[in-house]
Amino acid sequence: MSWGSFGRYLLGSLSGVVIASLMVALLCGPLGLAMPIAAPTATAAMLVYNFLMTRWAVRRRVAAV
């Protein structure tokens, strides 16, 4: 793993914390969902987001031949 990959992974992880917090605030606030519904919904969305961001961060680049 390169430093670039580590930086992308760190960026994805830190942005995930912000996005999850905003998602819970949006679901509980303006949308009026209860926390027992909002938290699992945000968790499921973040599972997909984290998978995609980690895949982007650590993907192996194949050199053109």
Protein backbone atom coordinates (compact mmCIF):
# COMPACT_ATOMS: atom_id res chain seq x y z
CA MET A 1 0.00 0.00 0.00
CA SER A 2 1.34 3.42 -0.93
CA TRP A 3 1.11 6.72 0.88
CA GLY A 4 -1.39 7.85 -1.74
CA SER A 5 -3.62 4.89 -0.94
CA PHE A 6 -3.31 5.62 2.77
CA GLY A 7 -4.27 9.26 2.17
CA ARG A 8 -7.33 8.25 0.15
CA TYR A 9 -8.32 5.75 2.85
CA LEU A 10 -7.94 8.42 5.54
CA LEU A 11 -9.98 10.88 3.48
CA GLY A 12 -12.74 8.31 3.03
CA SER A 13 -12.78 7.43 6.72
CA LEU A 14 -12.88 11.01 7.96
CA SER A 15 -15.52 12.05 5.44
CA GLY A 16 -17.58 9.03 6.53
CA VAL A 17 -17.75 10.30 10.10
CA VAL A 18 -19.01 13.68 8.91
CA ILE A 19 -21.52 12.19 6.48
CA ALA A 20 -22.88 9.76 9.11
CA SER A 21 -23.34 12.57 11.62
CA LEU A 22 -25.11 14.76 9.10
CA MET A 23 -27.29 11.86 7.98
CA VAL A 24 -28.45 11.11 11.52
CA ALA A 25 -29.09 14.81 12.15
CA LEU A 26 -31.14 15.05 8.94
CA LEU A 27 -33.10 11.89 9.62
CA CYS A 28 -33.86 12.83 13.24
CA GLY A 29 -34.36 16.55 12.66
CA PRO A 30 -36.23 17.67 9.54
CA LEU A 31 -37.45 14.20 8.57
CA GLY A 32 -38.64 13.46 12.11
CA LEU A 33 -37.55 9.84 12.36
CA ALA A 34 -36.91 8.36 15.78
CA MET A 35 -33.30 7.55 16.68
CA PRO A 36 -33.97 3.75 16.72
CA ILE A 37 -34.87 4.05 13.03
CA ALA A 38 -32.46 6.79 11.99
CA ALA A 39 -29.30 5.22 13.43
CA PRO A 40 -29.63 1.82 11.69
CA THR A 41 -30.59 3.57 8.45
CA ALA A 42 -27.48 5.73 8.59
CA THR A 43 -25.38 2.70 9.56
CA ALA A 44 -26.59 0.72 6.55
CA ALA A 45 -25.88 3.65 4.22
CA MET A 46 -22.42 4.07 5.72
CA LEU A 47 -21.67 0.39 5.24
CA VAL A 48 -22.09 0.85 1.49
CA TYR A 49 -20.23 4.19 1.52
CA ASN A 50 -17.28 2.76 3.45
CA PHE A 51 -17.06 -0.25 1.15
CA LEU A 52 -16.95 1.96 -1.93
CA MET A 53 -14.46 4.41 -0.42
CA THR A 54 -12.14 1.64 0.75
CA ARG A 55 -12.31 -0.01 -2.64
CA TRP A 56 -11.43 3.34 -4.26
CA ALA A 57 -8.59 3.93 -1.80
CA VAL A 58 -6.79 0.61 -2.05
CA ARG A 59 -7.53 -0.48 -5.60
CA ARG A 60 -4.51 -1.72 -7.47
CA ARG A 61 -3.64 0.19 -10.58
CA VAL A 62 -2.68 -1.95 -13.53
CA ALA A 63 0.07 -0.47 -15.69
CA ALA A 64 -0.77 -0.09 -19.36
CA VAL A 65 1.24 -2.42 -21.56
